Protein backbone atom coordinates (compact mmCIF):
# COMPACT_ATOMS: atom_id res chain seq x y z
CA UNK A 1 0.00 0.00 0.00
CA UNK A 2 1.36 3.42 -0.91
CA UNK A 3 0.62 6.80 0.61
CA UNK A 4 -2.65 8.22 -0.60
CA UNK A 5 -4.22 4.88 -1.49
CA UNK A 6 -7.33 3.53 0.16
CA UNK A 7 -7.37 -0.13 1.29
CA UNK A 8 -10.65 -1.76 0.23
CA UNK A 9 -11.52 -5.24 1.49
CA UNK A 10 -13.84 -7.39 -0.60
CA UNK A 11 -15.22 -10.54 1.06
CA UNK A 12 -16.34 -13.46 -1.10
CA UNK A 13 -17.68 -16.75 0.21
CA UNK A 14 -18.67 -18.63 -2.93
CA UNK A 15 -18.39 -18.76 -6.68
CA UNK A 16 -21.93 -17.39 -6.82
CA UNK A 17 -20.92 -14.07 -5.30
CA UNK A 18 -17.39 -13.95 -6.70
CA UNK A 19 -18.62 -13.77 -10.30
CA UNK A 20 -20.59 -10.55 -9.82
CA UNK A 21 -17.76 -9.08 -7.71
CA UNK A 22 -15.06 -9.64 -10.36
CA UNK A 23 -15.66 -6.35 -12.25
CA UNK A 24 -15.48 -4.46 -8.94
CA UNK A 25 -12.30 -6.28 -7.86
CA UNK A 26 -10.61 -5.65 -11.21
CA UNK A 27 -11.73 -2.02 -11.25
CA UNK A 28 -10.24 -1.47 -7.80
CA UNK A 29 -7.05 -3.26 -8.88
CA UNK A 30 -6.68 -1.04 -11.95
CA UNK A 31 -7.37 2.27 -10.16
CA UNK A 32 -4.23 3.68 -8.48
CA UNK A 33 -6.36 5.32 -5.77
CA UNK A 34 -7.21 1.90 -4.29
CA UNK A 35 -5.33 -1.02 -2.74
CA UNK A 36 -7.76 -3.97 -2.82
CA UNK A 37 -7.56 -7.07 -0.65
CA UNK A 38 -9.87 -10.03 -1.23
CA UNK A 39 -10.91 -12.23 1.69
CA UNK A 40 -11.92 -15.70 0.48
CA UNK A 41 -13.95 -17.83 2.87
CA UNK A 42 -16.71 -20.44 2.92
CA UNK A 43 -17.11 -22.39 -0.30
CA UNK A 44 -13.87 -21.06 -1.75
CA UNK A 45 -12.02 -23.15 0.84
CA UNK A 46 -14.18 -26.28 0.71
CA UNK A 47 -13.16 -28.79 -1.98
CA UNK A 48 -16.54 -30.52 -1.58
CA UNK A 49 -18.12 -27.34 -2.94
CA UNK A 50 -15.61 -26.99 -5.75
CA UNK A 51 -13.63 -24.42 -3.78
CA UNK A 52 -10.30 -23.27 -5.12
CA UNK A 53 -8.75 -20.06 -3.73
CA UNK A 54 -6.51 -19.91 -6.82
CA UNK A 55 -9.57 -18.92 -8.86
CA UNK A 56 -9.99 -15.84 -6.67
CA UNK A 57 -6.25 -15.08 -6.83
CA UNK A 58 -6.42 -15.10 -10.64
CA UNK A 59 -7.93 -11.59 -10.43
CA UNK A 60 -4.45 -10.33 -9.61
CA UNK A 61 -5.05 -8.93 -6.14
CA UNK A 62 -3.81 -10.14 -2.75
CA UNK A 63 -6.05 -12.84 -1.30
CA UNK A 64 -6.41 -13.83 2.33
CA UNK A 65 -8.20 -17.08 3.10
CA UNK A 66 -10.26 -17.21 6.28
CA UNK A 67 -11.20 -20.65 7.51
């Protein structure tokens, strides 16, 4: 994070909500005023639900997984 940037945390718990959030996440990533962090939880961490945190990380922003 650099001076003058605003840290924005986006929480996603499933593929169902990650899809609609992708344009927001990418927009924040591409705007120098923001420093986005994605928190992946829930279904993203459960292989029984097809969870794969790497899918969230593919958006090119830091990802923190919360179990």
